[in-house]
Amino acid sequence: MEHPRPIQYRIGPLQTVGLVGTIIIAIGVGFWAYVLPREFYDHFPSLLGEWISQDGPFNEHLIRDHGAQYLALGAASVAALFWRSQPLFRVLGIAWGSFGVLHFAYHATHLGHMSTRDAVSQLIVLAVAALFGIAIAIPKRRRSRSRSRSRSS
């Protein structure tokens, strides 16, 4: 009889969705901001508008640091694909989640310079990104023993 994986190594589907979402965001935002900071400033997020250039002058150092931060968090998310454990997912979820909530909070209080369409789009995108981070920290629910027994009988 094969023993199931210990609970600390069982990763839930919500955690996996959050992890994949953060990797996609990290690659898109991080690579663009770090490698092409001026283009990132002028055109991010491209299809939804040009949000960053509306919020102050270009600062290459700040944009590259922002890209590096996304790439670092993304590297940790990729590592979690290989070293799957609840403690790692909790720490990663705290990192991505706290960044996402703080990032959302800043932008939610600095919308005056944006059109309504840009402001709403930005808040939706930032909320989804924060939720991906939070999802990583939420472990798979354990089945109660009574449910497990009734299903096996």
Foldseek 3Di string as FASTA:
>chain_A
DDDDDPQQQDADPLLVQLLVVLLVVLCVQLVCQQVPVVCLQQAPPPVQGRPNVLPDDRDSVVSNVVSVVSNVLNVLSVVCVVVPGLVSLQVSLVVQLVVLVVVLVVLLVVCVSDDPSSSVVVNVVSVVSNSSSNSSNDGDDDDDPVVVVVVVD
